[in-house]
Amino acid sequence: VQLVESGGGLVQPGGSLRLSCAASGFTFSSYVMRWHRQAPGKERELVARITVAGGTTYYLDSVKGRFAISRDNAKNTVYLQMNSLKPEDTAVYYCNALSFTQDYWGQGTQVTVSS
């Protein structure tokens, strides 16, 4: 089982990034997919979630209207489009696949928002 995040990096405030998470080794289309983040000295928090068929999404209040989660079950990939980035969005972002019996995590990708 692998979840491989990509797309992180350094961006100026107000900029955009698109994170990708490529999944393999399990039936991606059967899993709820989530993005979490953890900033230095803070607890990990759930940023966004998308259901199996992509019909329902959830967002952390502080990212609503700026971030968008999507998935492509044909490509076994989940995305997080991040717009209007703020310094407080700086964190390591983790991809997570969740079912009733399994819980898989990626290694994380660093997002730094700074001028």
C-alpha atoms as a PDB file:
ATOM      1  CA  VAL A   1       0.000   0.000   0.000  1.00  0.00           C
ATOM      2  CA  GLN A   2       1.321   3.415  -0.942  1.00  0.00           C
ATOM      3  CA  LEU A   3       0.077   6.980  -0.745  1.00  0.00           C
ATOM      4  CA  VAL A   4       2.521   9.390  -2.343  1.00  0.00           C
ATOM      5  CA  GLU A   5       1.923  13.113  -1.967  1.00  0.00           C
ATOM      6  CA  SER A   6       3.408  15.708  -4.289  1.00  0.00           C
ATOM      7  CA  GLY A   7       2.985  19.360  -5.177  1.00  0.00           C
ATOM      8  CA  GLY A   8       4.143  21.008  -1.982  1.00  0.00           C
ATOM      9  CA  GLY A   9       6.662  23.809  -1.865  1.00  0.00           C
ATOM     10  CA  LEU A  10       7.294  27.438  -1.049  1.00  0.00           C
ATOM     11  CA  VAL A  11       4.687  29.971  -2.159  1.00  0.00           C
ATOM     12  CA  GLN A  12       4.043  33.617  -1.411  1.00  0.00           C
ATOM     13  CA  PRO A  13       0.930  34.701   0.497  1.00  0.00           C
ATOM     14  CA  GLY A  14      -2.013  34.851  -1.873  1.00  0.00           C
ATOM     15  CA  GLY A  15      -0.536  32.198  -4.113  1.00  0.00           C
ATOM     16  CA  SER A  16      -1.803  28.759  -5.065  1.00  0.00           C
ATOM     17  CA  LEU A  17      -0.631  25.176  -4.925  1.00  0.00           C
ATOM     18  CA  ARG A  18      -2.182  21.921  -6.028  1.00  0.00           C
ATOM     19  CA  LEU A  19      -1.344  18.858  -3.967  1.00  0.00           C
ATOM     20  CA  SER A  20      -1.718  15.388  -5.437  1.00  0.00           C
ATOM     21  CA  CYS A  21      -1.812  12.025  -3.708  1.00  0.00           C
ATOM     22  CA  ALA A  22      -1.294   8.933  -5.846  1.00  0.00           C
ATOM     23  CA  ALA A  23      -2.579   5.719  -4.308  1.00  0.00           C
ATOM     24  CA  SER A  24      -1.658   2.127  -5.015  1.00  0.00           C
ATOM     25  CA  GLY A  25      -2.028  -1.279  -3.444  1.00  0.00           C
ATOM     26  CA  PHE A  26      -5.665  -1.018  -2.408  1.00  0.00           C
ATOM     27  CA  THR A  27      -9.084  -0.355  -3.929  1.00  0.00           C
ATOM     28  CA  PHE A  28      -8.907   3.430  -4.019  1.00  0.00           C
ATOM     29  CA  SER A  29     -12.514   3.888  -5.129  1.00  0.00           C
ATOM     30  CA  SER A  30     -13.754   2.209  -1.934  1.00  0.00           C
ATOM     31  CA  TYR A  31     -12.015   4.606   0.430  1.00  0.00           C
ATOM     32  CA  VAL A  32     -12.927   7.988   1.837  1.00  0.00           C
ATOM     33  CA  MET A  33      -9.978  10.259   1.144  1.00  0.00           C
ATOM     34  CA  ARG A  34      -8.805  13.004   3.485  1.00  0.00           C
ATOM     35  CA  TRP A  35      -6.128  15.660   3.682  1.00  0.00           C
ATOM     36  CA  HIS A  36      -4.703  16.540   7.086  1.00  0.00           C
ATOM     37  CA  ARG A  37      -2.011  19.002   8.056  1.00  0.00           C
ATOM     38  CA  GLN A  38       0.336  19.498  10.960  1.00  0.00           C
ATOM     39  CA  ALA A  39       2.100  22.745  11.689  1.00  0.00           C
ATOM     40  CA  PRO A  40       5.170  22.920  13.948  1.00  0.00           C
ATOM     41  CA  GLY A  41       4.164  22.637  17.583  1.00  0.00           C
ATOM     42  CA  LYS A  42       0.526  21.963  16.750  1.00  0.00           C
ATOM     43  CA  GLU A  43      -1.674  18.904  16.562  1.00  0.00           C
ATOM     44  CA  ARG A  44      -2.569  17.328  13.258  1.00  0.00           C
ATOM     45  CA  GLU A  45      -5.901  18.600  11.940  1.00  0.00           C
ATOM     46  CA  LEU A  46      -8.336  17.443   9.290  1.00  0.00           C
ATOM     47  CA  VAL A  47      -8.371  19.907   6.400  1.00  0.00           C
ATOM     48  CA  ALA A  48     -10.694  18.289   3.867  1.00  0.00           C
ATOM     49  CA  ARG A  49     -12.527  15.066   3.177  1.00  0.00           C
ATOM     50  CA  ILE A  50     -14.230  13.572   0.136  1.00  0.00           C
ATOM     51  CA  THR A  51     -16.536  10.591  -0.024  1.00  0.00           C
ATOM     52  CA  VAL A  52     -16.067   7.507  -2.151  1.00  0.00           C
ATOM     53  CA  ALA A  53     -17.873   8.792  -5.228  1.00  0.00           C
ATOM     54  CA  GLY A  54     -16.865  12.382  -4.603  1.00  0.00           C
ATOM     55  CA  GLY A  55     -20.387  13.549  -3.954  1.00  0.00           C
ATOM     56  CA  THR A  56     -19.836  15.004  -0.503  1.00  0.00           C
ATOM     57  CA  THR A  57     -16.981  17.107   0.808  1.00  0.00           C
ATOM     58  CA  TYR A  58     -16.006  18.581   4.166  1.00  0.00           C
ATOM     59  CA  TYR A  59     -13.655  21.475   4.880  1.00  0.00           C
ATOM     60  CA  LEU A  60     -12.027  22.934   7.936  1.00  0.00           C
ATOM     61  CA  ASP A  61     -13.653  26.309   8.564  1.00  0.00           C
ATOM     62  CA  SER A  62     -10.427  28.227   8.067  1.00  0.00           C
ATOM     63  CA  VAL A  63      -9.967  26.874   4.517  1.00  0.00           C
ATOM     64  CA  LYS A  64     -13.558  27.043   3.263  1.00  0.00           C
ATOM     65  CA  GLY A  65     -13.784  28.982   0.025  1.00  0.00           C
ATOM     66  CA  ARG A  66     -10.021  28.718  -0.548  1.00  0.00           C
ATOM     67  CA  PHE A  67      -9.326  24.977  -0.761  1.00  0.00           C
ATOM     68  CA  ALA A  68     -11.017  22.347  -2.913  1.00  0.00           C
ATOM     69  CA  ILE A  69     -10.662  18.596  -2.633  1.00  0.00           C
ATOM     70  CA  SER A  70     -11.348  16.342  -5.606  1.00  0.00           C
ATOM     71  CA  ARG A  71     -10.630  12.793  -6.683  1.00  0.00           C
ATOM     72  CA  ASP A  72     -10.147  10.838  -9.880  1.00  0.00           C
ATOM     73  CA  ASN A  73     -10.980   7.214  -9.201  1.00  0.00           C
ATOM     74  CA  ALA A  74      -9.741   6.213 -12.663  1.00  0.00           C
ATOM     75  CA  LYS A  75      -6.296   7.576 -11.786  1.00  0.00           C
ATOM     76  CA  ASN A  76      -6.350   6.539  -8.114  1.00  0.00           C
ATOM     77  CA  THR A  77      -5.505  10.096  -7.185  1.00  0.00           C
ATOM     78  CA  VAL A  78      -6.890  12.701  -4.810  1.00  0.00           C
ATOM     79  CA  TYR A  79      -6.131  16.399  -5.123  1.00  0.00           C
ATOM     80  CA  LEU A  80      -6.173  19.447  -2.917  1.00  0.00           C
ATOM     81  CA  GLN A  81      -6.332  22.754  -4.747  1.00  0.00           C
ATOM     82  CA  MET A  82      -5.199  25.501  -2.401  1.00  0.00           C
ATOM     83  CA  ASN A  83      -5.809  29.121  -3.347  1.00  0.00           C
ATOM     84  CA  SER A  84      -5.318  32.421  -1.528  1.00  0.00           C
ATOM     85  CA  LEU A  85      -2.741  30.785   0.691  1.00  0.00           C
ATOM     86  CA  LYS A  86      -1.902  32.372   4.016  1.00  0.00           C
ATOM     87  CA  PRO A  87       1.170  32.020   6.252  1.00  0.00           C
ATOM     88  CA  GLU A  88      -0.989  30.094   8.721  1.00  0.00           C
ATOM     89  CA  ASP A  89      -1.486  27.401   6.066  1.00  0.00           C
ATOM     90  CA  THR A  90       2.174  26.477   6.477  1.00  0.00           C
ATOM     91  CA  ALA A  91       2.345  22.830   7.524  1.00  0.00           C
ATOM     92  CA  VAL A  92       3.130  19.326   6.417  1.00  0.00           C
ATOM     93  CA  TYR A  93       0.124  18.042   4.482  1.00  0.00           C
ATOM     94  CA  TYR A  94      -0.775  14.370   4.697  1.00  0.00           C
ATOM     95  CA  CYS A  95      -2.989  12.250   2.495  1.00  0.00           C
ATOM     96  CA  ASN A  96      -5.136   9.649   4.269  1.00  0.00           C
ATOM     97  CA  ALA A  97      -7.294   6.786   2.965  1.00  0.00           C
ATOM     98  CA  LEU A  98      -9.997   5.546   5.296  1.00  0.00           C
ATOM     99  CA  SER A  99     -12.394   2.602   5.257  1.00  0.00           C
ATOM    100  CA  PHE A 100     -14.283   0.782   8.010  1.00  0.00           C
ATOM    101  CA  THR A 101     -11.291  -1.470   8.599  1.00  0.00           C
ATOM    102  CA  GLN A 102      -8.209   0.272   7.190  1.00  0.00           C
ATOM    103  CA  ASP A 103      -6.473   3.601   7.675  1.00  0.00           C
ATOM    104  CA  TYR A 104      -3.538   4.431   5.376  1.00  0.00           C
ATOM    105  CA  TRP A 105      -1.271   7.485   5.470  1.00  0.00           C
ATOM    106  CA  GLY A 106       1.197   9.095   3.147  1.00  0.00           C
ATOM    107  CA  GLN A 107       4.578  10.489   4.171  1.00  0.00           C
ATOM    108  CA  GLY A 108       3.519  14.107   3.860  1.00  0.00           C
ATOM    109  CA  THR A 109       4.517  17.070   1.747  1.00  0.00           C
ATOM    110  CA  GLN A 110       5.722  20.404   3.096  1.00  0.00           C
ATOM    111  CA  VAL A 111       3.784  23.555   2.243  1.00  0.00           C
ATOM    112  CA  THR A 112       5.405  26.841   3.246  1.00  0.00           C
ATOM    113  CA  VAL A 113       3.636  30.145   2.723  1.00  0.00           C
ATOM    114  CA  SER A 114       6.028  33.032   3.162  1.00  0.00           C
ATOM    115  CA  SER A 115       7.161  36.199   1.494  1.00  0.00           C
END
